[in-house]
Amino acid sequence: IFDYFLGGSYNFEVDRVLARQALEIWPEIPRILQANRAFLRRAGRV
């Protein structure tokens, strides 16, 4: 599901169904996860 939210390709319909349900409740999830991944990259470079 995390992979799906980050635009990855290793997810299945069962994951996408739950991800879409989560988006209905919390539409900011993809942006939050992308910000988290960006932070990890910045922290690693530092």
ModelCIF file with pLDDT and N, C-alpha, C, O atoms, coordinates in Angstrom:
data_MODEL
#
_entry.id   MODEL 
#
_entity.id                         1 
_entity.type                       polymer 
_entity.pdbx_number_of_molecules   1 
#
_entity_poly.entity_id                      1 
_entity_poly.type                           'polypeptide(L)' 
_entity_poly.nstd_linkage                   no 
_entity_poly.nstd_monomer                   no 
_entity_poly.pdbx_seq_one_letter_code       IFDYFLGGSYNFEVDRVLARQALEIWPEIPRILQANRAFLRRAGRV 
_entity_poly.pdbx_seq_one_letter_code_can   IFDYFLGGSYNFEVDRVLARQALEIWPEIPRILQANRAFLRRAGRV 
_entity_poly.pdbx_strand_id                 A 
#
loop_
_entity_poly_seq.entity_id 
_entity_poly_seq.num 
_entity_poly_seq.mon_id 
_entity_poly_seq.hetero 
1 1  ILE n 
1 2  PHE n 
1 3  ASP n 
1 4  TYR n 
1 5  PHE n 
1 6  LEU n 
1 7  GLY n 
1 8  GLY n 
1 9  SER n 
1 10 TYR n 
1 11 ASN n 
1 12 PHE n 
1 13 GLU n 
1 14 VAL n 
1 15 ASP n 
1 16 ARG n 
1 17 VAL n 
1 18 LEU n 
1 19 ALA n 
1 20 ARG n 
1 21 GLN n 
1 22 ALA n 
1 23 LEU n 
1 24 GLU n 
1 25 ILE n 
1 26 TRP n 
1 27 PRO n 
1 28 GLU n 
1 29 ILE n 
1 30 PRO n 
1 31 ARG n 
1 32 ILE n 
1 33 LEU n 
1 34 GLN n 
1 35 ALA n 
1 36 ASN n 
1 37 ARG n 
1 38 ALA n 
1 39 PHE n 
1 40 LEU n 
1 41 ARG n 
1 42 ARG n 
1 43 ALA n 
1 44 GLY n 
1 45 ARG n 
1 46 VAL n 
#
_struct_asym.id          A 
_struct_asym.entity_id   1 
#
loop_
_ma_qa_metric.id 
_ma_qa_metric.mode 
_ma_qa_metric.name 
_ma_qa_metric.software_group_id 
_ma_qa_metric.type 
1 global pLDDT . pLDDT 
2 local  pLDDT . pLDDT 
#
_ma_qa_metric_global.metric_id      1 
_ma_qa_metric_global.metric_value   94.11 
_ma_qa_metric_global.model_id       1 
_ma_qa_metric_global.ordinal_id     1 
#
loop_
_ma_qa_metric_local.label_asym_id 
_ma_qa_metric_local.label_comp_id 
_ma_qa_metric_local.label_seq_id 
_ma_qa_metric_local.metric_id 
_ma_qa_metric_local.metric_value 
_ma_qa_metric_local.model_id 
_ma_qa_metric_local.ordinal_id 
A ILE 1  2 94.00 1 1  
A PHE 2  2 92.00 1 2  
A ASP 3  2 92.00 1 3  
A TYR 4  2 94.00 1 4  
A PHE 5  2 94.00 1 5  
A LEU 6  2 91.00 1 6  
A GLY 7  2 91.00 1 7  
A GLY 8  2 90.00 1 8  
A SER 9  2 88.00 1 9  
A TYR 10 2 88.00 1 10 
A ASN 11 2 91.00 1 11 
A PHE 12 2 92.00 1 12 
A GLU 13 2 93.00 1 13 
A VAL 14 2 94.00 1 14 
A ASP 15 2 95.00 1 15 
A ARG 16 2 96.00 1 16 
A VAL 17 2 97.00 1 17 
A LEU 18 2 97.00 1 18 
A ALA 19 2 97.00 1 19 
A ARG 20 2 97.00 1 20 
A GLN 21 2 98.00 1 21 
A ALA 22 2 97.00 1 22 
A LEU 23 2 97.00 1 23 
A GLU 24 2 97.00 1 24 
A ILE 25 2 97.00 1 25 
A TRP 26 2 96.00 1 26 
A PRO 27 2 97.00 1 27 
A GLU 28 2 97.00 1 28 
A ILE 29 2 96.00 1 29 
A PRO 30 2 95.00 1 30 
A ARG 31 2 96.00 1 31 
A ILE 32 2 96.00 1 32 
A LEU 33 2 92.00 1 33 
A GLN 34 2 92.00 1 34 
A ALA 35 2 95.00 1 35 
A ASN 36 2 91.00 1 36 
A ARG 37 2 89.00 1 37 
A ALA 38 2 93.00 1 38 
A PHE 39 2 95.00 1 39 
A LEU 40 2 90.00 1 40 
A ARG 41 2 91.00 1 41 
A ARG 42 2 96.00 1 42 
A ALA 43 2 95.00 1 43 
A GLY 44 2 94.00 1 44 
A ARG 45 2 96.00 1 45 
A VAL 46 2 98.00 1 46 
#
loop_
_atom_site.group_PDB 
_atom_site.id 
_atom_site.type_symbol 
_atom_site.label_atom_id 
_atom_site.label_alt_id 
_atom_site.label_comp_id 
_atom_site.label_asym_id 
_atom_site.label_entity_id 
_atom_site.label_seq_id 
_atom_site.pdbx_PDB_ins_code 
_atom_site.Cartn_x 
_atom_site.Cartn_y 
_atom_site.Cartn_z 
_atom_site.occupancy 
_atom_site.B_iso_or_equiv 
_atom_site.pdbx_formal_charge 
_atom_site.auth_seq_id 
_atom_site.auth_comp_id 
_atom_site.auth_asym_id 
_atom_site.auth_atom_id 
_atom_site.pdbx_PDB_model_num 
ATOM 1   N N  . ILE A 1 1  ? 0.850   -1.197 0.000  1.00 94.00 ? 1  ILE A N  1 
ATOM 2   C CA . ILE A 1 1  ? 0.000   0.000  0.000  1.00 94.00 ? 1  ILE A CA 1 
ATOM 3   C C  . ILE A 1 1  ? 0.884   1.245  0.000  1.00 94.00 ? 1  ILE A C  1 
ATOM 4   O O  . ILE A 1 1  ? 0.608   2.205  -0.719 1.00 94.00 ? 1  ILE A O  1 
ATOM 5   N N  . PHE A 1 2  ? 1.939   1.226  0.801  1.00 92.00 ? 2  PHE A N  1 
ATOM 6   C CA . PHE A 1 2  ? 2.914   2.328  0.823  1.00 92.00 ? 2  PHE A CA 1 
ATOM 7   C C  . PHE A 1 2  ? 3.492   2.512  -0.574 1.00 92.00 ? 2  PHE A C  1 
ATOM 8   O O  . PHE A 1 2  ? 3.612   3.636  -1.062 1.00 92.00 ? 2  PHE A O  1 
ATOM 9   N N  . ASP A 1 3  ? 3.850   1.403  -1.212 1.00 92.00 ? 3  ASP A N  1 
ATOM 10  C CA . ASP A 1 3  ? 4.371   1.433  -2.580 1.00 92.00 ? 3  ASP A CA 1 
ATOM 11  C C  . ASP A 1 3  ? 3.355   2.092  -3.519 1.00 92.00 ? 3  ASP A C  1 
ATOM 12  O O  . ASP A 1 3  ? 3.729   2.920  -4.350 1.00 92.00 ? 3  ASP A O  1 
ATOM 13  N N  . TYR A 1 4  ? 2.099   1.738  -3.395 1.00 94.00 ? 4  TYR A N  1 
ATOM 14  C CA . TYR A 1 4  ? 1.040   2.321  -4.231 1.00 94.00 ? 4  TYR A CA 1 
ATOM 15  C C  . TYR A 1 4  ? 0.973   3.828  -4.026 1.00 94.00 ? 4  TYR A C  1 
ATOM 16  O O  . TYR A 1 4  ? 0.915   4.584  -4.996 1.00 94.00 ? 4  TYR A O  1 
ATOM 17  N N  . PHE A 1 5  ? 0.979   4.271  -2.771 1.00 94.00 ? 5  PHE A N  1 
ATOM 18  C CA . PHE A 1 5  ? 0.892   5.702  -2.479 1.00 94.00 ? 5  PHE A CA 1 
ATOM 19  C C  . PHE A 1 5  ? 2.100   6.475  -3.012 1.00 94.00 ? 5  PHE A C  1 
ATOM 20  O O  . PHE A 1 5  ? 1.994   7.662  -3.320 1.00 94.00 ? 5  PHE A O  1 
ATOM 21  N N  . LEU A 1 6  ? 3.235   5.806  -3.119 1.00 91.00 ? 6  LEU A N  1 
ATOM 22  C CA . LEU A 1 6  ? 4.438   6.463  -3.641 1.00 91.00 ? 6  LEU A CA 1 
ATOM 23  C C  . LEU A 1 6  ? 4.548   6.344  -5.159 1.00 91.00 ? 6  LEU A C  1 
ATOM 24  O O  . LEU A 1 6  ? 5.537   6.779  -5.749 1.00 91.00 ? 6  LEU A O  1 
ATOM 25  N N  . GLY A 1 7  ? 3.534   5.756  -5.787 1.00 91.00 ? 7  GLY A N  1 
ATOM 26  C CA . GLY A 1 7  ? 3.538   5.639  -7.244 1.00 91.00 ? 7  GLY A CA 1 
ATOM 27  C C  . GLY A 1 7  ? 4.298   4.440  -7.755 1.00 91.00 ? 7  GLY A C  1 
ATOM 28  O O  . GLY A 1 7  ? 4.650   4.381  -8.933 1.00 91.00 ? 7  GLY A O  1 
ATOM 29  N N  . GLY A 1 8  ? 4.556   3.478  -6.879 1.00 90.00 ? 8  GLY A N  1 
ATOM 30  C CA . GLY A 1 8  ? 5.293   2.281  -7.274 1.00 90.00 ? 8  GLY A CA 1 
ATOM 31  C C  . GLY A 1 8  ? 4.431   1.320  -8.079 1.00 90.00 ? 8  GLY A C  1 
ATOM 32  O O  . GLY A 1 8  ? 3.243   1.559  -8.295 1.00 90.00 ? 8  GLY A O  1 
ATOM 33  N N  . SER A 1 9  ? 5.042   0.244  -8.512 1.00 88.00 ? 9  SER A N  1 
ATOM 34  C CA . SER A 1 9  ? 4.336   -0.706 -9.366 1.00 88.00 ? 9  SER A CA 1 
ATOM 35  C C  . SER A 1 9  ? 4.229   -2.099 -8.755 1.00 88.00 ? 9  SER A C  1 
ATOM 36  O O  . SER A 1 9  ? 3.716   -3.012 -9.403 1.00 88.00 ? 9  SER A O  1 
ATOM 37  N N  . TYR A 1 10 ? 4.706   -2.284 -7.509 1.00 88.00 ? 10 TYR A N  1 
ATOM 38  C CA . TYR A 1 10 ? 4.603   -3.613 -6.911 1.00 88.00 ? 10 TYR A CA 1 
ATOM 39  C C  . TYR A 1 10 ? 3.501   -3.620 -5.865 1.00 88.00 ? 10 TYR A C  1 
ATOM 40  O O  . TYR A 1 10 ? 3.752   -3.682 -4.662 1.00 88.00 ? 10 TYR A O  1 
ATOM 41  N N  . ASN A 1 11 ? 2.266   -3.553 -6.366 1.00 91.00 ? 11 ASN A N  1 
ATOM 42  C CA . ASN A 1 11 ? 1.090   -3.645 -5.516 1.00 91.00 ? 11 ASN A CA 1 
ATOM 43  C C  . ASN A 1 11 ? 0.012   -4.361 -6.309 1.00 91.00 ? 11 ASN A C  1 
ATOM 44  O O  . ASN A 1 11 ? 0.079   -4.453 -7.535 1.00 91.00 ? 11 ASN A O  1 
ATOM 45  N N  . PHE A 1 12 ? -0.968  -4.858 -5.601 1.00 92.00 ? 12 PHE A N  1 
ATOM 46  C CA . PHE A 1 12 ? -2.022  -5.657 -6.218 1.00 92.00 ? 12 PHE A CA 1 
ATOM 47  C C  . PHE A 1 12 ? -3.373  -5.020 -5.941 1.00 92.00 ? 12 PHE A C  1 
ATOM 48  O O  . PHE A 1 12 ? -3.481  -4.108 -5.122 1.00 92.00 ? 12 PHE A O  1 
ATOM 49  N N  . GLU A 1 13 ? -4.400  -5.501 -6.625 1.00 93.00 ? 13 GLU A N  1 
ATOM 50  C CA . GLU A 1 13 ? -5.731  -4.915 -6.478 1.00 93.00 ? 13 GLU A CA 1 
ATOM 51  C C  . GLU A 1 13 ? -6.183  -4.905 -5.017 1.00 93.00 ? 13 GLU A C  1 
ATOM 52  O O  . GLU A 1 13 ? -6.789  -3.928 -4.576 1.00 93.00 ? 13 GLU A O  1 
ATOM 53  N N  . VAL A 1 14 ? -5.910  -5.948 -4.271 1.00 94.00 ? 14 VAL A N  1 
ATOM 54  C CA . VAL A 1 14 ? -6.303  -5.985 -2.857 1.00 94.00 ? 14 VAL A CA 1 
ATOM 55  C C  . VAL A 1 14 ? -5.669  -4.818 -2.092 1.00 94.00 ? 14 VAL A C  1 
ATOM 56  O O  . VAL A 1 14 ? -6.288  -4.272 -1.178 1.00 94.00 ? 14 VAL A O  1 
ATOM 57  N N  . ASP A 1 15 ? -4.453  -4.435 -2.452 1.00 95.00 ? 15 ASP A N  1 
ATOM 58  C CA . ASP A 1 15 ? -3.774  -3.301 -1.820 1.00 95.00 ? 15 ASP A CA 1 
ATOM 59  C C  . ASP A 1 15 ? -4.386  -1.982 -2.276 1.00 95.00 ? 15 ASP A C  1 
ATOM 60  O O  . ASP A 1 15 ? -4.591  -1.073 -1.471 1.00 95.00 ? 15 ASP A O  1 
ATOM 61  N N  . ARG A 1 16 ? -4.674  -1.884 -3.559 1.00 96.00 ? 16 ARG A N  1 
ATOM 62  C CA . ARG A 1 16 ? -5.226  -0.642 -4.110 1.00 96.00 ? 16 ARG A CA 1 
ATOM 63  C C  . ARG A 1 16 ? -6.624  -0.370 -3.577 1.00 96.00 ? 16 ARG A C  1 
ATOM 64  O O  . ARG A 1 16 ? -6.988  0.785  -3.358 1.00 96.00 ? 16 ARG A O  1 
ATOM 65  N N  . VAL A 1 17 ? -7.415  -1.421 -3.366 1.00 97.00 ? 17 VAL A N  1 
ATOM 66  C CA . VAL A 1 17 ? -8.766  -1.251 -2.809 1.00 97.00 ? 17 VAL A CA 1 
ATOM 67  C C  . VAL A 1 17 ? -8.673  -0.613 -1.425 1.00 97.00 ? 17 VAL A C  1 
ATOM 68  O O  . VAL A 1 17 ? -9.367  0.364  -1.142 1.00 97.00 ? 17 VAL A O  1 
ATOM 69  N N  . LEU A 1 18 ? -7.824  -1.157 -0.570 1.00 97.00 ? 18 LEU A N  1 
ATOM 70  C CA . LEU A 1 18 ? -7.676  -0.606 0.772  1.00 97.00 ? 18 LEU A CA 1 
ATOM 71  C C  . LEU A 1 18 ? -7.079  0.803  0.727  1.00 97.00 ? 18 LEU A C  1 
ATOM 72  O O  . LEU A 1 18 ? -7.466  1.668  1.512  1.00 97.00 ? 18 LEU A O  1 
ATOM 73  N N  . ALA A 1 19 ? -6.146  1.029  -0.185 1.00 97.00 ? 19 ALA A N  1 
ATOM 74  C CA . ALA A 1 19 ? -5.547  2.354  -0.321 1.00 97.00 ? 19 ALA A CA 1 
ATOM 75  C C  . ALA A 1 19 ? -6.597  3.382  -0.720 1.00 97.00 ? 19 ALA A C  1 
ATOM 76  O O  . ALA A 1 19 ? -6.614  4.488  -0.181 1.00 97.00 ? 19 ALA A O  1 
ATOM 77  N N  . ARG A 1 20 ? -7.464  3.034  -1.649 1.00 97.00 ? 20 ARG A N  1 
ATOM 78  C CA . ARG A 1 20 ? -8.516  3.973  -2.066 1.00 97.00 ? 20 ARG A CA 1 
ATOM 79  C C  . ARG A 1 20 ? -9.487  4.250  -0.924 1.00 97.00 ? 20 ARG A C  1 
ATOM 80  O O  . ARG A 1 20 ? -9.970  5.374  -0.782 1.00 97.00 ? 20 ARG A O  1 
ATOM 81  N N  . GLN A 1 21 ? -9.775  3.244  -0.115 1.00 98.00 ? 21 GLN A N  1 
ATOM 82  C CA . GLN A 1 21 ? -10.639 3.455  1.046  1.00 98.00 ? 21 GLN A CA 1 
ATOM 83  C C  . GLN A 1 21 ? -9.973  4.406  2.038  1.00 98.00 ? 21 GLN A C  1 
ATOM 84  O O  . GLN A 1 21 ? -10.628 5.283  2.602  1.00 98.00 ? 21 GLN A O  1 
ATOM 85  N N  . ALA A 1 22 ? -8.680  4.229  2.245  1.00 97.00 ? 22 ALA A N  1 
ATOM 86  C CA . ALA A 1 22 ? -7.944  5.107  3.154  1.00 97.00 ? 22 ALA A CA 1 
ATOM 87  C C  . ALA A 1 22 ? -7.938  6.540  2.634  1.00 97.00 ? 22 ALA A C  1 
ATOM 88  O O  . ALA A 1 22 ? -8.038  7.485  3.416  1.00 97.00 ? 22 ALA A O  1 
ATOM 89  N N  . LEU A 1 23 ? -7.820  6.704  1.317  1.00 97.00 ? 23 LEU A N  1 
ATOM 90  C CA . LEU A 1 23 ? -7.821  8.044  0.719  1.00 97.00 ? 23 LEU A CA 1 
ATOM 91  C C  . LEU A 1 23 ? -9.137  8.780  0.948  1.00 97.00 ? 23 LEU A C  1 
ATOM 92  O O  . LEU A 1 23 ? -9.154  10.004 1.074  1.00 97.00 ? 23 LEU A O  1 
ATOM 93  N N  . GLU A 1 24 ? -10.228 8.038  1.000  1.00 97.00 ? 24 GLU A N  1 
ATOM 94  C CA . GLU A 1 24 ? -11.525 8.663  1.264  1.00 97.00 ? 24 GLU A CA 1 
ATOM 95  C C  . GLU A 1 24 ? -11.557 9.273  2.666  1.00 97.00 ? 24 GLU A C  1 
ATOM 96  O O  . GLU A 1 24 ? -12.209 10.293 2.889  1.00 97.00 ? 24 GLU A O  1 
ATOM 97  N N  . ILE A 1 25 ? -10.865 8.655  3.590  1.00 97.00 ? 25 ILE A N  1 
ATOM 98  C CA . ILE A 1 25 ? -10.836 9.131  4.974  1.00 97.00 ? 25 ILE A CA 1 
ATOM 99  C C  . ILE A 1 25 ? -9.756  10.193 5.168  1.00 97.00 ? 25 ILE A C  1 
ATOM 100 O O  . ILE A 1 25 ? -9.961  11.180 5.874  1.00 97.00 ? 25 ILE A O  1 
ATOM 101 N N  . TRP A 1 26 ? -8.604  9.977  4.533  1.00 96.00 ? 26 TRP A N  1 
ATOM 102 C CA . TRP A 1 26 ? -7.443  10.836 4.753  1.00 96.00 ? 26 TRP A CA 1 
ATOM 103 C C  . TRP A 1 26 ? -6.755  11.099 3.414  1.00 96.00 ? 26 TRP A C  1 
ATOM 104 O O  . TRP A 1 26 ? -5.757  10.448 3.104  1.00 96.00 ? 26 TRP A O  1 
ATOM 105 N N  . PRO A 1 27 ? -7.261  12.032 2.620  1.00 97.00 ? 27 PRO A N  1 
ATOM 106 C CA . PRO A 1 27 ? -6.740  12.250 1.265  1.00 97.00 ? 27 PRO A CA 1 
ATOM 107 C C  . PRO A 1 27 ? -5.299  12.748 1.216  1.00 97.00 ? 27 PRO A C  1 
ATOM 108 O O  . PRO A 1 27 ? -4.679  12.722 0.153  1.00 97.00 ? 27 PRO A O  1 
ATOM 109 N N  . GLU A 1 28 ? -4.758  13.198 2.337  1.00 97.00 ? 28 GLU A N  1 
ATOM 110 C CA . GLU A 1 28 ? -3.384  13.715 2.357  1.00 97.00 ? 28 GLU A CA 1 
ATOM 111 C C  . GLU A 1 28 ? -2.325  12.618 2.460  1.00 97.00 ? 28 GLU A C  1 
ATOM 112 O O  . GLU A 1 28 ? -1.132  12.916 2.404  1.00 97.00 ? 28 GLU A O  1 
ATOM 113 N N  . ILE A 1 29 ? -2.730  11.374 2.607  1.00 96.00 ? 29 ILE A N  1 
ATOM 114 C CA . ILE A 1 29 ? -1.767  10.285 2.836  1.00 96.00 ? 29 ILE A CA 1 
ATOM 115 C C  . ILE A 1 29 ? -0.624  10.276 1.812  1.00 96.00 ? 29 ILE A C  1 
ATOM 116 O O  . ILE A 1 29 ? 0.535   10.225 2.224  1.00 96.00 ? 29 ILE A O  1 
ATOM 117 N N  . PRO A 1 30 ? -0.888  10.324 0.509  1.00 95.00 ? 30 PRO A N  1 
ATOM 118 C CA . PRO A 1 30 ? 0.244   10.272 -0.427 1.00 95.00 ? 30 PRO A CA 1 
ATOM 119 C C  . PRO A 1 30 ? 1.245   11.407 -0.213 1.00 95.00 ? 30 PRO A C  1 
ATOM 120 O O  . PRO A 1 30 ? 2.454   11.179 -0.253 1.00 95.00 ? 30 PRO A O  1 
ATOM 121 N N  . ARG A 1 31 ? 0.757   12.619 0.012  1.00 96.00 ? 31 ARG A N  1 
ATOM 122 C CA . ARG A 1 31 ? 1.672   13.752 0.236  1.00 96.00 ? 31 ARG A CA 1 
ATOM 123 C C  . ARG A 1 31 ? 2.491   13.566 1.509  1.00 96.00 ? 31 ARG A C  1 
ATOM 124 O O  . ARG A 1 31 ? 3.676   13.900 1.543  1.00 96.00 ? 31 ARG A O  1 
ATOM 125 N N  . ILE A 1 32 ? 1.865   13.036 2.549  1.00 96.00 ? 32 ILE A N  1 
ATOM 126 C CA . ILE A 1 32 ? 2.581   12.799 3.811  1.00 96.00 ? 32 ILE A CA 1 
ATOM 127 C C  . ILE A 1 32 ? 3.674   11.753 3.608  1.00 96.00 ? 32 ILE A C  1 
ATOM 128 O O  . ILE A 1 32 ? 4.799   11.933 4.075  1.00 96.00 ? 32 ILE A O  1 
ATOM 129 N N  . LEU A 1 33 ? 3.354   10.672 2.922  1.00 92.00 ? 33 LEU A N  1 
ATOM 130 C CA . LEU A 1 33 ? 4.343   9.616  2.693  1.00 92.00 ? 33 LEU A CA 1 
ATOM 131 C C  . LEU A 1 33 ? 5.464   10.093 1.769  1.00 92.00 ? 33 LEU A C  1 
ATOM 132 O O  . LEU A 1 33 ? 6.622   9.719  1.957  1.00 92.00 ? 33 LEU A O  1 
ATOM 133 N N  . GLN A 1 34 ? 5.129   10.908 0.780  1.00 92.00 ? 34 GLN A N  1 
ATOM 134 C CA . GLN A 1 34 ? 6.167   11.465 -0.099 1.00 92.00 ? 34 GLN A CA 1 
ATOM 135 C C  . GLN A 1 34 ? 7.073   12.402 0.684  1.00 92.00 ? 34 GLN A C  1 
ATOM 136 O O  . GLN A 1 34 ? 8.286   12.406 0.472  1.00 92.00 ? 34 GLN A O  1 
ATOM 137 N N  . ALA A 1 35 ? 6.502   13.199 1.590  1.00 95.00 ? 35 ALA A N  1 
ATOM 138 C CA . ALA A 1 35 ? 7.317   14.090 2.432  1.00 95.00 ? 35 ALA A CA 1 
ATOM 139 C C  . ALA A 1 35 ? 8.220   13.284 3.346  1.00 95.00 ? 35 ALA A C  1 
ATOM 140 O O  . ALA A 1 35 ? 9.372   13.655 3.570  1.00 95.00 ? 35 ALA A O  1 
ATOM 141 N N  . ASN A 1 36 ? 7.704   12.182 3.875  1.00 91.00 ? 36 ASN A N  1 
ATOM 142 C CA . ASN A 1 36 ? 8.508   11.311 4.729  1.00 91.00 ? 36 ASN A CA 1 
ATOM 143 C C  . ASN A 1 36 ? 9.691   10.736 3.956  1.00 91.00 ? 36 ASN A C  1 
ATOM 144 O O  . ASN A 1 36 ? 10.813  10.717 4.462  1.00 91.00 ? 36 ASN A O  1 
ATOM 145 N N  . ARG A 1 37 ? 9.447   10.270 2.741  1.00 89.00 ? 37 ARG A N  1 
ATOM 146 C CA . ARG A 1 37 ? 10.517  9.706  1.906  1.00 89.00 ? 37 ARG A CA 1 
ATOM 147 C C  . ARG A 1 37 ? 11.546  10.779 1.560  1.00 89.00 ? 37 ARG A C  1 
ATOM 148 O O  . ARG A 1 37 ? 12.747  10.510 1.554  1.00 89.00 ? 37 ARG A O  1 
ATOM 149 N N  . ALA A 1 38 ? 11.077  11.997 1.273  1.00 93.00 ? 38 ALA A N  1 
ATOM 150 C CA . ALA A 1 38 ? 11.990  13.105 0.965  1.00 93.00 ? 38 ALA A CA 1 
ATOM 151 C C  . ALA A 1 38 ? 12.850  13.437 2.179  1.00 93.00 ? 38 ALA A C  1 
ATOM 152 O O  . ALA A 1 38 ? 14.042  13.713 2.038  1.00 93.00 ? 38 ALA A O  1 
ATOM 153 N N  . PHE A 1 39 ? 12.252  13.411 3.372  1.00 95.00 ? 39 PHE A N  1 
ATOM 154 C CA . PHE A 1 39 ? 13.019  13.662 4.591  1.00 95.00 ? 39 PHE A CA 1 
ATOM 155 C C  . PHE A 1 39 ? 14.113  12.612 4.768  1.00 95.00 ? 39 PHE A C  1 
ATOM 156 O O  . PHE A 1 39 ? 15.249  12.948 5.103  1.00 95.00 ? 39 PHE A O  1 
ATOM 157 N N  . LEU A 1 40 ? 13.776  11.351 4.544  1.00 90.00 ? 40 LEU A N  1 
ATOM 158 C CA . LEU A 1 40 ? 14.778  10.287 4.685  1.00 90.00 ? 40 LEU A CA 1 
ATOM 159 C C  . LEU A 1 40 ? 15.946  10.496 3.725  1.00 90.00 ? 40 LEU A C  1 
ATOM 160 O O  . LEU A 1 40 ? 17.101  10.279 4.092  1.00 90.00 ? 40 LEU A O  1 
ATOM 161 N N  . ARG A 1 41 ? 15.644  10.918 2.490  1.00 91.00 ? 41 ARG A N  1 
ATOM 162 C CA . ARG A 1 41 ? 16.723  11.187 1.532  1.00 91.00 ? 41 ARG A CA 1 
ATOM 163 C C  . ARG A 1 41 ? 17.603  12.342 2.012  1.00 91.00 ? 41 ARG A C  1 
ATOM 164 O O  . ARG A 1 41 ? 18.830  12.261 1.964  1.00 91.00 ? 41 ARG A O  1 
ATOM 165 N N  . ARG A 1 42 ? 16.956  13.426 2.477  1.00 96.00 ? 42 ARG A N  1 
ATOM 166 C CA . ARG A 1 42 ? 17.738  14.579 2.965  1.00 96.00 ? 42 ARG A CA 1 
ATOM 167 C C  . ARG A 1 42 ? 18.569  14.203 4.175  1.00 96.00 ? 42 ARG A C  1 
ATOM 168 O O  . ARG A 1 42 ? 19.743  14.564 4.257  1.00 96.00 ? 42 ARG A O  1 
ATOM 169 N N  . ALA A 1 43 ? 17.979  13.484 5.111  1.00 95.00 ? 43 ALA A N  1 
ATOM 170 C CA . ALA A 1 43 ? 18.706  13.086 6.318  1.00 95.00 ? 43 ALA A CA 1 
ATOM 171 C C  . ALA A 1 43 ? 19.883  12.184 5.961  1.00 95.00 ? 43 ALA A C  1 
ATOM 172 O O  . ALA A 1 43 ? 20.962  12.310 6.539  1.00 95.00 ? 43 ALA A O  1 
ATOM 173 N N  . GLY A 1 44 ? 19.679  11.283 5.016  1.00 94.00 ? 44 GLY A N  1 
ATOM 174 C CA . GLY A 1 44 ? 20.771  10.411 4.581  1.00 94.00 ? 44 GLY A CA 1 
ATOM 175 C C  . GLY A 1 44 ? 21.911  11.197 3.969  1.00 94.00 ? 44 GLY A C  1 
ATOM 176 O O  . GLY A 1 44 ? 23.077  10.914 4.244  1.00 94.00 ? 44 GLY A O  1 
ATOM 177 N N  . ARG A 1 45 ? 21.590  12.182 3.140  1.00 96.00 ? 45 ARG A N  1 
ATOM 178 C CA . ARG A 1 45 ? 22.646  13.016 2.541  1.00 96.00 ? 45 ARG A CA 1 
ATOM 179 C C  . ARG A 1 45 ? 23.412  13.803 3.601  1.00 96.00 ? 45 ARG A C  1 
ATOM 180 O O  . ARG A 1 45 ? 24.633  13.932 3.524  1.00 96.00 ? 45 ARG A O  1 
ATOM 181 N N  . VAL A 1 46 ? 22.692  14.326 4.588  1.00 98.00 ? 46 VAL A N  1 
ATOM 182 C CA . VAL A 1 46 ? 23.361  15.077 5.664  1.00 98.00 ? 46 VAL A CA 1 
ATOM 183 C C  . VAL A 1 46 ? 24.321  14.163 6.412  1.00 98.00 ? 46 VAL A C  1 
ATOM 184 O O  . VAL A 1 46 ? 24.982  14.600 7.353  1.00 98.00 ? 46 VAL A O  1 
#
